[in-house]
Amino acid sequence: MSDETAHIVGRSGPRMVESERVTIRLPNERIQALQALVDQGKFSTISDTIRAAIDKFVEGEFTPEYIEKITVELPKGNVVNLKQLVQEGDSVSVDDAIRNAVREYIRKRVSKAMQELER
């Protein structure tokens, strides 16, 4: 395998994907933070962490115009609860559970506002 190709295994079996090597310089504290993610088992390599970050950035920059992405920071306990909802089958992902919660909250607020207008 050369620097320009990588193996991808999908439903149809292995295939070659074109890729290029890019060299960047990062401050030592960023490298240490990336290595900590690897040490925690969240990623296999520093390269994987950087690819994931780039994927997330590109995805956020190229979302359809009718969608606006936001970042939500939650206490760990809430995340555990959301993951439990996913495990129990109430949602397909944590993101889906959050979207459902926001939709329900907005539905209730709009319903309450409509009731107050009718008075």
PDB file of N, CA and C in Angstrom:
ATOM      1  N   MET A   1       0.857  -1.173   0.000  1.00  0.00           N
ATOM      2  CA  MET A   1       0.000   0.000   0.000  1.00  0.00           C
ATOM      3  C   MET A   1       0.899   1.231   0.000  1.00  0.00           C
ATOM      4  N   SER A   2       0.648   2.145  -0.912  1.00  0.00           N
ATOM      5  CA  SER A   2       1.461   3.352  -0.994  1.00  0.00           C
ATOM      6  C   SER A   2       0.866   4.451  -0.134  1.00  0.00           C
ATOM      7  N   ASP A   3       1.560   5.602  -0.078  1.00  0.00           N
ATOM      8  CA  ASP A   3       1.058   6.741   0.678  1.00  0.00           C
ATOM      9  C   ASP A   3      -0.231   7.292   0.082  1.00  0.00           C
ATOM     10  N   GLU A   4      -0.489   7.016  -1.207  1.00  0.00           N
ATOM     11  CA  GLU A   4      -1.644   7.594  -1.873  1.00  0.00           C
ATOM     12  C   GLU A   4      -2.894   6.738  -1.780  1.00  0.00           C
ATOM     13  N   THR A   5      -2.812   5.534  -1.240  1.00  0.00           N
ATOM     14  CA  THR A   5      -3.982   4.672  -1.183  1.00  0.00           C
ATOM     15  C   THR A   5      -4.158   4.092   0.210  1.00  0.00           C
ATOM     16  N   ALA A   6      -5.379   3.728   0.500  1.00  0.00           N
ATOM     17  CA  ALA A   6      -5.696   3.089   1.777  1.00  0.00           C
ATOM     18  C   ALA A   6      -6.767   2.040   1.532  1.00  0.00           C
ATOM     19  N   HIS A   7      -6.742   0.963   2.284  1.00  0.00           N
ATOM     20  CA  HIS A   7      -7.765  -0.070   2.159  1.00  0.00           C
ATOM     21  C   HIS A   7      -8.993   0.332   2.964  1.00  0.00           C
ATOM     22  N   ILE A   8     -10.157   0.185   2.360  1.00  0.00           N
ATOM     23  CA  ILE A   8     -11.420   0.399   3.033  1.00  0.00           C
ATOM     24  C   ILE A   8     -12.205  -0.898   2.889  1.00  0.00           C
ATOM     25  N   VAL A   9     -12.718  -1.418   3.988  1.00  0.00           N
ATOM     26  CA  VAL A   9     -13.523  -2.623   3.935  1.00  0.00           C
ATOM     27  C   VAL A   9     -14.960  -2.218   4.163  1.00  0.00           C
ATOM     28  N   GLY A  10     -15.796  -2.486   3.180  1.00  0.00           N
ATOM     29  CA  GLY A  10     -17.207  -2.134   3.263  1.00  0.00           C
ATOM     30  C   GLY A  10     -18.065  -3.349   3.040  1.00  0.00           C
ATOM     31  N   ARG A  11     -19.338  -3.124   2.809  1.00  0.00           N
ATOM     32  CA  ARG A  11     -20.272  -4.228   2.600  1.00  0.00           C
ATOM     33  C   ARG A  11     -19.929  -5.031   1.357  1.00  0.00           C
ATOM     34  N   SER A  12     -19.341  -4.359   0.357  1.00  0.00           N
ATOM     35  CA  SER A  12     -18.997  -5.060  -0.880  1.00  0.00           C
ATOM     36  C   SER A  12     -17.585  -5.624  -0.843  1.00  0.00           C
ATOM     37  N   GLY A  13     -16.916  -5.596   0.298  1.00  0.00           N
ATOM     38  CA  GLY A  13     -15.576  -6.126   0.432  1.00  0.00           C
ATOM     39  C   GLY A  13     -14.536  -5.025   0.360  1.00  0.00           C
ATOM     40  N   PRO A  14     -13.244  -5.415   0.392  1.00  0.00           N
ATOM     41  CA  PRO A  14     -12.188  -4.407   0.401  1.00  0.00           C
ATOM     42  C   PRO A  14     -12.121  -3.652  -0.923  1.00  0.00           C
ATOM     43  N   ARG A  15     -11.781  -2.358  -0.856  1.00  0.00           N
ATOM     44  CA  ARG A  15     -11.572  -1.558  -2.050  1.00  0.00           C
ATOM     45  C   ARG A  15     -10.510  -0.521  -1.741  1.00  0.00           C
ATOM     46  N   MET A  16      -9.906   0.017  -2.763  1.00  0.00           N
ATOM     47  CA  MET A  16      -8.861   1.015  -2.592  1.00  0.00           C
ATOM     48  C   MET A  16      -9.477   2.408  -2.684  1.00  0.00           C
ATOM     49  N   VAL A  17      -9.048   3.303  -1.817  1.00  0.00           N
ATOM     50  CA  VAL A  17      -9.511   4.680  -1.816  1.00  0.00           C
ATOM     51  C   VAL A  17      -8.291   5.573  -1.956  1.00  0.00           C
ATOM     52  N   GLU A  18      -8.367   6.517  -2.863  1.00  0.00           N
ATOM     53  CA  GLU A  18      -7.261   7.450  -3.049  1.00  0.00           C
ATOM     54  C   GLU A  18      -7.159   8.359  -1.831  1.00  0.00           C
ATOM     55  N   SER A  19      -5.948   8.596  -1.400  1.00  0.00           N
ATOM     56  CA  SER A  19      -5.717   9.533  -0.309  1.00  0.00           C
ATOM     57  C   SER A  19      -4.348  10.156  -0.503  1.00  0.00           C
ATOM     58  N   GLU A  20      -4.131  11.260   0.141  1.00  0.00           N
ATOM     59  CA  GLU A  20      -2.852  11.947   0.068  1.00  0.00           C
ATOM     60  C   GLU A  20      -2.316  12.162   1.469  1.00  0.00           C
ATOM     61  N   ARG A  21      -1.017  12.200   1.568  1.00  0.00           N
ATOM     62  CA  ARG A  21      -0.369  12.487   2.840  1.00  0.00           C
ATOM     63  C   ARG A  21      -0.264  13.998   2.982  1.00  0.00           C
ATOM     64  N   VAL A  22      -0.632  14.508   4.146  1.00  0.00           N
ATOM     65  CA  VAL A  22      -0.541  15.928   4.449  1.00  0.00           C
ATOM     66  C   VAL A  22       0.286  16.065   5.717  1.00  0.00           C
ATOM     67  N   THR A  23       1.229  16.964   5.709  1.00  0.00           N
ATOM     68  CA  THR A  23       2.066  17.193   6.880  1.00  0.00           C
ATOM     69  C   THR A  23       1.643  18.502   7.531  1.00  0.00           C
ATOM     70  N   ILE A  24       1.430  18.478   8.839  1.00  0.00           N
ATOM     71  CA  ILE A  24       1.083  19.692   9.573  1.00  0.00           C
ATOM     72  C   ILE A  24       1.968  19.794  10.810  1.00  0.00           C
ATOM     73  N   ARG A  25       2.106  20.992  11.297  1.00  0.00           N
ATOM     74  CA  ARG A  25       2.840  21.215  12.547  1.00  0.00           C
ATOM     75  C   ARG A  25       1.823  21.579  13.621  1.00  0.00           C
ATOM     76  N   LEU A  26       1.945  20.928  14.775  1.00  0.00           N
ATOM     77  CA  LEU A  26       1.055  21.181  15.899  1.00  0.00           C
ATOM     78  C   LEU A  26       1.886  21.452  17.142  1.00  0.00           C
ATOM     79  N   PRO A  27       1.370  22.320  18.028  1.00  0.00           N
ATOM     80  CA  PRO A  27       2.079  22.536  19.295  1.00  0.00           C
ATOM     81  C   PRO A  27       2.130  21.233  20.093  1.00  0.00           C
ATOM     82  N   ASN A  28       3.153  21.088  20.899  1.00  0.00           N
ATOM     83  CA  ASN A  28       3.355  19.879  21.686  1.00  0.00           C
ATOM     84  C   ASN A  28       2.140  19.556  22.558  1.00  0.00           C
ATOM     85  N   GLU A  29       1.490  20.582  23.131  1.00  0.00           N
ATOM     86  CA  GLU A  29       0.331  20.300  23.992  1.00  0.00           C
ATOM     87  C   GLU A  29      -0.828  19.692  23.204  1.00  0.00           C
ATOM     88  N   ARG A  30      -0.949  20.027  21.924  1.00  0.00           N
ATOM     89  CA  ARG A  30      -1.995  19.407  21.089  1.00  0.00           C
ATOM     90  C   ARG A  30      -1.652  17.940  20.816  1.00  0.00           C
ATOM     91  N   ILE A  31      -0.386  17.686  20.542  1.00  0.00           N
ATOM     92  CA  ILE A  31       0.047  16.298  20.319  1.00  0.00           C
ATOM     93  C   ILE A  31      -0.207  15.472  21.574  1.00  0.00           C
ATOM     94  N   GLN A  32       0.091  16.031  22.737  1.00  0.00           N
ATOM     95  CA  GLN A  32      -0.135  15.315  23.998  1.00  0.00           C
ATOM     96  C   GLN A  32      -1.630  15.045  24.202  1.00  0.00           C
ATOM     97  N   ALA A  33      -2.472  16.026  23.854  1.00  0.00           N
ATOM     98  CA  ALA A  33      -3.919  15.831  23.988  1.00  0.00           C
ATOM     99  C   ALA A  33      -4.400  14.736  23.040  1.00  0.00           C
ATOM    100  N   LEU A  34      -3.898  14.736  21.812  1.00  0.00           N
ATOM    101  CA  LEU A  34      -4.264  13.690  20.861  1.00  0.00           C
ATOM    102  C   LEU A  34      -3.784  12.318  21.338  1.00  0.00           C
ATOM    103  N   GLN A  35      -2.571  12.269  21.871  1.00  0.00           N
ATOM    104  CA  GLN A  35      -2.044  11.006  22.386  1.00  0.00           C
ATOM    105  C   GLN A  35      -2.872  10.514  23.569  1.00  0.00           C
ATOM    106  N   ALA A  36      -3.355  11.431  24.396  1.00  0.00           N
ATOM    107  CA  ALA A  36      -4.206  11.050  25.532  1.00  0.00           C
ATOM    108  C   ALA A  36      -5.478  10.368  25.034  1.00  0.00           C
ATOM    109  N   LEU A  37      -6.044  10.848  23.931  1.00  0.00           N
ATOM    110  CA  LEU A  37      -7.234  10.206  23.358  1.00  0.00           C
ATOM    111  C   LEU A  37      -6.906   8.787  22.887  1.00  0.00           C
ATOM    112  N   VAL A  38      -5.723   8.613  22.322  1.00  0.00           N
ATOM    113  CA  VAL A  38      -5.282   7.282  21.901  1.00  0.00           C
ATOM    114  C   VAL A  38      -5.090   6.398  23.134  1.00  0.00           C
ATOM    115  N   ASP A  39      -4.422   6.934  24.157  1.00  0.00           N
ATOM    116  CA  ASP A  39      -4.165   6.171  25.385  1.00  0.00           C
ATOM    117  C   ASP A  39      -5.459   5.759  26.086  1.00  0.00           C
ATOM    118  N   GLN A  40      -6.493   6.583  25.959  1.00  0.00           N
ATOM    119  CA  GLN A  40      -7.791   6.274  26.565  1.00  0.00           C
ATOM    120  C   GLN A  40      -8.569   5.244  25.744  1.00  0.00           C
ATOM    121  N   GLY A  41      -8.028   4.887  24.593  1.00  0.00           N
ATOM    122  CA  GLY A  41      -8.686   3.898  23.746  1.00  0.00           C
ATOM    123  C   GLY A  41      -9.774   4.456  22.860  1.00  0.00           C
ATOM    124  N   LYS A  42      -9.878   5.771  22.785  1.00  0.00           N
ATOM    125  CA  LYS A  42     -10.918   6.365  21.955  1.00  0.00           C
ATOM    126  C   LYS A  42     -10.567   6.305  20.477  1.00  0.00           C
ATOM    127  N   PHE A  43      -9.284   6.265  20.163  1.00  0.00           N
ATOM    128  CA  PHE A  43      -8.800   6.165  18.787  1.00  0.00           C
ATOM    129  C   PHE A  43      -7.597   5.227  18.772  1.00  0.00           C
ATOM    130  N   SER A  44      -7.317   4.642  17.612  1.00  0.00           N
ATOM    131  CA  SER A  44      -6.181   3.728  17.486  1.00  0.00           C
ATOM    132  C   SER A  44      -4.860   4.458  17.359  1.00  0.00           C
ATOM    133  N   THR A  45      -4.889   5.583  16.647  1.00  0.00           N
ATOM    134  CA  THR A  45      -3.656   6.332  16.395  1.00  0.00           C
ATOM    135  C   THR A  45      -3.941   7.827  16.429  1.00  0.00           C
ATOM    136  N   ILE A  46      -2.882   8.621  16.529  1.00  0.00           N
ATOM    137  CA  ILE A  46      -3.050  10.073  16.437  1.00  0.00           C
ATOM    138  C   ILE A  46      -3.623  10.445  15.074  1.00  0.00           C
ATOM    139  N   SER A  47      -3.180   9.764  14.025  1.00  0.00           N
ATOM    140  CA  SER A  47      -3.728  10.039  12.687  1.00  0.00           C
ATOM    141  C   SER A  47      -5.234   9.835  12.659  1.00  0.00           C
ATOM    142  N   ASP A  48      -5.723   8.785  13.337  1.00  0.00           N
ATOM    143  CA  ASP A  48      -7.168   8.546  13.391  1.00  0.00           C
ATOM    144  C   ASP A  48      -7.894   9.688  14.096  1.00  0.00           C
ATOM    145  N   THR A  49      -7.281  10.221  15.157  1.00  0.00           N
ATOM    146  CA  THR A  49      -7.933  11.340  15.862  1.00  0.00           C
ATOM    147  C   THR A  49      -8.011  12.560  14.965  1.00  0.00           C
ATOM    148  N   ILE A  50      -6.947  12.823  14.220  1.00  0.00           N
ATOM    149  CA  ILE A  50      -6.930  13.983  13.326  1.00  0.00           C
ATOM    150  C   ILE A  50      -7.932  13.795  12.194  1.00  0.00           C
ATOM    151  N   ARG A  51      -7.998  12.584  11.621  1.00  0.00           N
ATOM    152  CA  ARG A  51      -8.979  12.319  10.558  1.00  0.00           C
ATOM    153  C   ARG A  51     -10.400  12.512  11.074  1.00  0.00           C
ATOM    154  N   ALA A  52     -10.682  12.039  12.289  1.00  0.00           N
ATOM    155  CA  ALA A  52     -12.023  12.199  12.858  1.00  0.00           C
ATOM    156  C   ALA A  52     -12.356  13.677  13.047  1.00  0.00           C
ATOM    157  N   ALA A  53     -11.392  14.449  13.520  1.00  0.00           N
ATOM    158  CA  ALA A  53     -11.618  15.883  13.707  1.00  0.00           C
ATOM    159  C   ALA A  53     -11.872  16.572  12.376  1.00  0.00           C
ATOM    160  N   ILE A  54     -11.101  16.217  11.363  1.00  0.00           N
ATOM    161  CA  ILE A  54     -11.298  16.814  10.036  1.00  0.00           C
ATOM    162  C   ILE A  54     -12.653  16.410   9.468  1.00  0.00           C
ATOM    163  N   ASP A  55     -13.029  15.146   9.612  1.00  0.00           N
ATOM    164  CA  ASP A  55     -14.336  14.686   9.132  1.00  0.00           C
ATOM    165  C   ASP A  55     -15.467  15.478   9.786  1.00  0.00           C
ATOM    166  N   LYS A  56     -15.364  15.666  11.100  1.00  0.00           N
ATOM    167  CA  LYS A  56     -16.398  16.400  11.827  1.00  0.00           C
ATOM    168  C   LYS A  56     -16.456  17.860  11.362  1.00  0.00           C
ATOM    169  N   PHE A  57     -15.301  18.476  11.162  1.00  0.00           N
ATOM    170  CA  PHE A  57     -15.244  19.853  10.691  1.00  0.00           C
ATOM    171  C   PHE A  57     -15.868  19.986   9.307  1.00  0.00           C
ATOM    172  N   VAL A  58     -15.465  19.111   8.383  1.00  0.00           N
ATOM    173  CA  VAL A  58     -15.984  19.185   7.021  1.00  0.00           C
ATOM    174  C   VAL A  58     -17.487  18.935   7.010  1.00  0.00           C
ATOM    175  N   GLU A  59     -17.933  17.951   7.774  1.00  0.00           N
ATOM    176  CA  GLU A  59     -19.368  17.652   7.862  1.00  0.00           C
ATOM    177  C   GLU A  59     -20.139  18.875   8.361  1.00  0.00           C
ATOM    178  N   GLY A  60     -19.602  19.560   9.349  1.00  0.00           N
ATOM    179  CA  GLY A  60     -20.260  20.747   9.887  1.00  0.00           C
ATOM    180  C   GLY A  60     -20.285  21.904   8.916  1.00  0.00           C
ATOM    181  N   GLU A  61     -19.264  22.011   8.088  1.00  0.00           N
ATOM    182  CA  GLU A  61     -19.185  23.105   7.118  1.00  0.00           C
ATOM    183  C   GLU A  61     -20.073  22.877   5.899  1.00  0.00           C
ATOM    184  N   PHE A  62     -20.415  21.624   5.622  1.00  0.00           N
ATOM    185  CA  PHE A  62     -21.169  21.317   4.409  1.00  0.00           C
ATOM    186  C   PHE A  62     -22.530  20.688   4.696  1.00  0.00           C
ATOM    187  N   THR A  63     -23.167  21.073   5.791  1.00  0.00           N
ATOM    188  CA  THR A  63     -24.510  20.580   6.075  1.00  0.00           C
ATOM    189  C   THR A  63     -25.496  21.284   5.151  1.00  0.00           C
ATOM    190  N   PRO A  64     -26.610  20.638   4.839  1.00  0.00           N
ATOM    191  CA  PRO A  64     -27.623  21.284   3.997  1.00  0.00           C
ATOM    192  C   PRO A  64     -28.096  22.596   4.625  1.00  0.00           C
ATOM    193  N   GLU A  65     -28.526  23.525   3.780  1.00  0.00           N
ATOM    194  CA  GLU A  65     -28.931  24.849   4.257  1.00  0.00           C
ATOM    195  C   GLU A  65     -30.099  24.798   5.239  1.00  0.00           C
ATOM    196  N   TYR A  66     -30.972  23.793   5.129  1.00  0.00           N
ATOM    197  CA  TYR A  66     -32.139  23.708   5.994  1.00  0.00           C
ATOM    198  C   TYR A  66     -31.802  23.107   7.360  1.00  0.00           C
ATOM    199  N   ILE A  67     -30.535  22.750   7.570  1.00  0.00           N
ATOM    200  CA  ILE A  67     -30.102  22.198   8.855  1.00  0.00           C
ATOM    201  C   ILE A  67     -29.048  23.111   9.447  1.00  0.00           C
ATOM    202  N   GLU A  68     -29.184  23.392  10.728  1.00  0.00           N
ATOM    203  CA  GLU A  68     -28.145  24.126  11.434  1.00  0.00           C
ATOM    204  C   GLU A  68     -27.655  23.255  12.575  1.00  0.00           C
ATOM    205  N   LYS A  69     -26.371  23.012  12.584  1.00  0.00           N
ATOM    206  CA  LYS A  69     -25.786  22.184  13.627  1.00  0.00           C
ATOM    207  C   LYS A  69     -25.343  23.064  14.777  1.00  0.00           C
ATOM    208  N   ILE A  70     -25.525  22.529  15.975  1.00  0.00           N
ATOM    209  CA  ILE A  70     -25.042  23.208  17.167  1.00  0.00           C
ATOM    210  C   ILE A  70     -24.290  22.181  18.008  1.00  0.00           C
ATOM    211  N   THR A  71     -23.399  22.678  18.829  1.00  0.00           N
ATOM    212  CA  THR A  71     -22.667  21.808  19.739  1.00  0.00           C
ATOM    213  C   THR A  71     -23.262  21.970  21.123  1.00  0.00           C
ATOM    214  N   VAL A  72     -23.536  20.853  21.771  1.00  0.00           N
ATOM    215  CA  VAL A  72     -24.130  20.871  23.103  1.00  0.00           C
ATOM    216  C   VAL A  72     -23.168  20.178  24.057  1.00  0.00           C
ATOM    217  N   GLU A  73     -22.857  20.834  25.148  1.00  0.00           N
ATOM    218  CA  GLU A  73     -22.036  20.211  26.182  1.00  0.00           C
ATOM    219  C   GLU A  73     -22.950  19.798  27.318  1.00  0.00           C
ATOM    220  N   LEU A  74     -22.857  18.525  27.711  1.00  0.00           N
ATOM    221  CA  LEU A  74     -23.730  17.977  28.740  1.00  0.00           C
ATOM    222  C   LEU A  74     -22.904  17.362  29.860  1.00  0.00           C
ATOM    223  N   PRO A  75     -23.433  17.403  31.067  1.00  0.00           N
ATOM    224  CA  PRO A  75     -22.767  16.688  32.155  1.00  0.00           C
ATOM    225  C   PRO A  75     -22.717  15.186  31.832  1.00  0.00           C
ATOM    226  N   LYS A  76     -21.692  14.511  32.318  1.00  0.00           N
ATOM    227  CA  LYS A  76     -21.514  13.085  32.014  1.00  0.00           C
ATOM    228  C   LYS A  76     -22.738  12.259  32.386  1.00  0.00           C
ATOM    229  N   GLY A  77     -23.392  12.614  33.484  1.00  0.00           N
ATOM    230  CA  GLY A  77     -24.583  11.869  33.903  1.00  0.00           C
ATOM    231  C   GLY A  77     -25.677  11.901  32.846  1.00  0.00           C
ATOM    232  N   ASN A  78     -25.849  13.059  32.214  1.00  0.00           N
ATOM    233  CA  ASN A  78     -26.858  13.165  31.155  1.00  0.00           C
ATOM    234  C   ASN A  78     -26.468  12.308  29.950  1.00  0.00           C
ATOM    235  N   VAL A  79     -25.199  12.288  29.634  1.00  0.00           N
ATOM    236  CA  VAL A  79     -24.728  11.484  28.507  1.00  0.00           C
ATOM    237  C   VAL A  79     -24.948  10.006  28.797  1.00  0.00           C
ATOM    238  N   VAL A  80     -24.686   9.592  30.031  1.00  0.00           N
ATOM    239  CA  VAL A  80     -24.929   8.202  30.426  1.00  0.00           C
ATOM    240  C   VAL A  80     -26.405   7.875  30.245  1.00  0.00           C
ATOM    241  N   ASN A  81     -27.281   8.779  30.667  1.00  0.00           N
ATOM    242  CA  ASN A  81     -28.722   8.558  30.515  1.00  0.00           C
ATOM    243  C   ASN A  81     -29.110   8.460  29.043  1.00  0.00           C
ATOM    244  N   LEU A  82     -28.526   9.314  28.207  1.00  0.00           N
ATOM    245  CA  LEU A  82     -28.822   9.270  26.782  1.00  0.00           C
ATOM    246  C   LEU A  82     -28.345   7.957  26.168  1.00  0.00           C
ATOM    247  N   LYS A  83     -27.158   7.500  26.563  1.00  0.00           N
ATOM    248  CA  LYS A  83     -26.647   6.228  26.053  1.00  0.00           C
ATOM    249  C   LYS A  83     -27.542   5.074  26.484  1.00  0.00           C
ATOM    250  N   GLN A  84     -28.099   5.175  27.680  1.00  0.00           N
ATOM    251  CA  GLN A  84     -29.011   4.136  28.168  1.00  0.00           C
ATOM    252  C   GLN A  84     -30.280   4.101  27.312  1.00  0.00           C
ATOM    253  N   LEU A  85     -30.788   5.282  26.915  1.00  0.00           N
ATOM    254  CA  LEU A  85     -31.954   5.330  26.026  1.00  0.00           C
ATOM    255  C   LEU A  85     -31.651   4.626  24.704  1.00  0.00           C
ATOM    256  N   VAL A  86     -30.454   4.813  24.209  1.00  0.00           N
ATOM    257  CA  VAL A  86     -30.055   4.171  22.962  1.00  0.00           C
ATOM    258  C   VAL A  86     -29.995   2.656  23.150  1.00  0.00           C
ATOM    259  N   GLN A  87     -29.376   2.212  24.248  1.00  0.00           N
ATOM    260  CA  GLN A  87     -29.273   0.768  24.516  1.00  0.00           C
ATOM    261  C   GLN A  87     -30.644   0.125  24.679  1.00  0.00           C
ATOM    262  N   GLU A  88     -31.587   0.870  25.231  1.00  0.00           N
ATOM    263  CA  GLU A  88     -32.935   0.345  25.438  1.00  0.00           C
ATOM    264  C   GLU A  88     -33.788   0.413  24.176  1.00  0.00           C
ATOM    265  N   GLY A  89     -33.239   1.026  23.118  1.00  0.00           N
ATOM    266  CA  GLY A  89     -33.959   1.076  21.849  1.00  0.00           C
ATOM    267  C   GLY A  89     -34.877   2.269  21.684  1.00  0.00           C
ATOM    268  N   ASP A  90     -34.854   3.210  22.624  1.00  0.00           N
ATOM    269  CA  ASP A  90     -35.712   4.390  22.506  1.00  0.00           C
ATOM    270  C   ASP A  90     -35.211   5.342  21.425  1.00  0.00           C
ATOM    271  N   SER A  91     -33.940   5.295  21.115  1.00  0.00           N
ATOM    272  CA  SER A  91     -33.335   6.136  20.089  1.00  0.00           C
ATOM    273  C   SER A  91     -32.267   5.317  19.377  1.00  0.00           C
ATOM    274  N   VAL A  92     -31.941   5.739  18.160  1.00  0.00           N
ATOM    275  CA  VAL A  92     -30.929   5.002  17.403  1.00  0.00           C
ATOM    276  C   VAL A  92     -29.518   5.483  17.713  1.00  0.00           C
ATOM    277  N   SER A  93     -29.403   6.686  18.283  1.00  0.00           N
ATOM    278  CA  SER A  93     -28.099   7.232  18.642  1.00  0.00           C
ATOM    279  C   SER A  93     -28.302   8.310  19.695  1.00  0.00           C
ATOM    280  N   VAL A  94     -27.216   8.738  20.316  1.00  0.00           N
ATOM    281  CA  VAL A  94     -27.288   9.834  21.285  1.00  0.00           C
ATOM    282  C   VAL A  94     -27.772  11.098  20.582  1.00  0.00           C
ATOM    283  N   ASP A  95     -27.265  11.354  19.373  1.00  0.00           N
ATOM    284  CA  ASP A  95     -27.716  12.522  18.613  1.00  0.00           C
ATOM    285  C   ASP A  95     -29.223  12.471  18.382  1.00  0.00           C
ATOM    286  N   ASP A  96     -29.732  11.291  18.042  1.00  0.00           N
ATOM    287  CA  ASP A  96     -31.160  11.117  17.814  1.00  0.00           C
ATOM    288  C   ASP A  96     -31.952  11.377  19.096  1.00  0.00           C
ATOM    289  N   ALA A  97     -31.438  10.907  20.230  1.00  0.00           N
ATOM    290  CA  ALA A  97     -32.114  11.127  21.516  1.00  0.00           C
ATOM    291  C   ALA A  97     -32.186  12.621  21.833  1.00  0.00           C
ATOM    292  N   ILE A  98     -31.110  13.337  21.546  1.00  0.00           N
ATOM    293  CA  ILE A  98     -31.096  14.786  21.789  1.00  0.00           C
ATOM    294  C   ILE A  98     -32.091  15.481  20.865  1.00  0.00           C
ATOM    295  N   ARG A  99     -32.084  15.103  19.577  1.00  0.00           N
ATOM    296  CA  ARG A  99     -33.049  15.705  18.629  1.00  0.00           C
ATOM    297  C   ARG A  99     -34.474  15.450  19.087  1.00  0.00           C
ATOM    298  N   ASN A 100     -34.764  14.223  19.534  1.00  0.00           N
ATOM    299  CA  ASN A 100     -36.116  13.900  20.009  1.00  0.00           C
ATOM    300  C   ASN A 100     -36.493  14.737  21.225  1.00  0.00           C
ATOM    301  N   ALA A 101     -35.543  14.909  22.146  1.00  0.00           N
ATOM    302  CA  ALA A 101     -35.816  15.706  23.346  1.00  0.00           C
ATOM    303  C   ALA A 101     -36.089  17.162  22.986  1.00  0.00           C
ATOM    304  N   VAL A 102     -35.310  17.700  22.076  1.00  0.00           N
ATOM    305  CA  VAL A 102     -35.514  19.091  21.658  1.00  0.00           C
ATOM    306  C   VAL A 102     -36.860  19.240  20.956  1.00  0.00           C
ATOM    307  N   ARG A 103     -37.189  18.305  20.051  1.00  0.00           N
ATOM    308  CA  ARG A 103     -38.487  18.356  19.364  1.00  0.00           C
ATOM    309  C   ARG A 103     -39.639  18.334  20.359  1.00  0.00           C
ATOM    310  N   GLU A 104     -39.558  17.435  21.352  1.00  0.00           N
ATOM    311  CA  GLU A 104     -40.625  17.317  22.347  1.00  0.00           C
ATOM    312  C   GLU A 104     -40.739  18.589  23.179  1.00  0.00           C
ATOM    313  N   TYR A 105     -39.609  19.153  23.579  1.00  0.00           N
ATOM    314  CA  TYR A 105     -39.606  20.397  24.355  1.00  0.00           C
ATOM    315  C   TYR A 105     -40.262  21.518  23.553  1.00  0.00           C
ATOM    316  N   ILE A 106     -39.881  21.658  22.295  1.00  0.00           N
ATOM    317  CA  ILE A 106     -40.458  22.715  21.455  1.00  0.00           C
ATOM    318  C   ILE A 106     -41.945  22.480  21.248  1.00  0.00           C
ATOM    319  N   ARG A 107     -42.333  21.219  21.006  1.00  0.00           N
ATOM    320  CA  ARG A 107     -43.755  20.903  20.819  1.00  0.00           C
ATOM    321  C   ARG A 107     -44.565  21.319  22.043  1.00  0.00           C
ATOM    322  N   LYS A 108     -44.054  21.014  23.234  1.00  0.00           N
ATOM    323  CA  LYS A 108     -44.763  21.379  24.464  1.00  0.00           C
ATOM    324  C   LYS A 108     -44.842  22.887  24.635  1.00  0.00           C
ATOM    325  N   ARG A 109     -43.741  23.589  24.359  1.00  0.00           N
ATOM    326  CA  ARG A 109     -43.730  25.051  24.496  1.00  0.00           C
ATOM    327  C   ARG A 109     -44.693  25.717  23.516  1.00  0.00           C
ATOM    328  N   VAL A 110     -44.730  25.247  22.276  1.00  0.00           N
ATOM    329  CA  VAL A 110     -45.634  25.804  21.273  1.00  0.00           C
ATOM    330  C   VAL A 110     -47.073  25.516  21.662  1.00  0.00           C
ATOM    331  N   SER A 111     -47.326  24.299  22.121  1.00  0.00           N
ATOM    332  CA  SER A 111     -48.681  23.934  22.555  1.00  0.00           C
ATOM    333  C   SER A 111     -49.147  24.814  23.708  1.00  0.00           C
ATOM    334  N   LYS A 112     -48.269  25.037  24.676  1.00  0.00           N
ATOM    335  CA  LYS A 112     -48.601  25.883  25.814  1.00  0.00           C
ATOM    336  C   LYS A 112     -48.847  27.326  25.364  1.00  0.00           C
ATOM    337  N   ALA A 113     -48.032  27.829  24.449  1.00  0.00           N
ATOM    338  CA  ALA A 113     -48.215  29.194  23.946  1.00  0.00           C
ATOM    339  C   ALA A 113     -49.538  29.318  23.188  1.00  0.00           C
ATOM    340  N   MET A 114     -49.907  28.305  22.433  1.00  0.00           N
ATOM    341  CA  MET A 114     -51.173  28.329  21.694  1.00  0.00           C
ATOM    342  C   MET A 114     -52.356  28.336  22.657  1.00  0.00           C
ATOM    343  N   GLN A 115     -52.266  27.557  23.733  1.00  0.00           N
ATOM    344  CA  GLN A 115     -53.332  27.529  24.736  1.00  0.00           C
ATOM    345  C   GLN A 115     -53.496  28.890  25.398  1.00  0.00           C
ATOM    346  N   GLU A 116     -52.370  29.548  25.689  1.00  0.00           N
ATOM    347  CA  GLU A 116     -52.434  30.868  26.312  1.00  0.00           C
ATOM    348  C   GLU A 116     -53.024  31.893  25.371  1.00  0.00           C
ATOM    349  N   LEU A 117     -52.778  31.784  24.091  1.00  0.00           N
ATOM    350  CA  LEU A 117     -53.352  32.714  23.105  1.00  0.00           C
ATOM    351  C   LEU A 117     -54.856  32.530  22.987  1.00  0.00           C
ATOM    352  N   GLU A 118     -55.327  31.302  23.162  1.00  0.00           N
ATOM    353  CA  GLU A 118     -56.748  31.004  23.037  1.00  0.00           C
ATOM    354  C   GLU A 118     -57.562  31.522  24.202  1.00  0.00           C
ATOM    355  N   ARG A 119     -56.917  31.870  25.290  1.00  0.00           N
ATOM    356  CA  ARG A 119     -57.630  32.346  26.486  1.00  0.00           C
ATOM    357  C   ARG A 119     -58.110  33.740  26.319  1.00  0.00           C
TER     358      ARG A 119
END
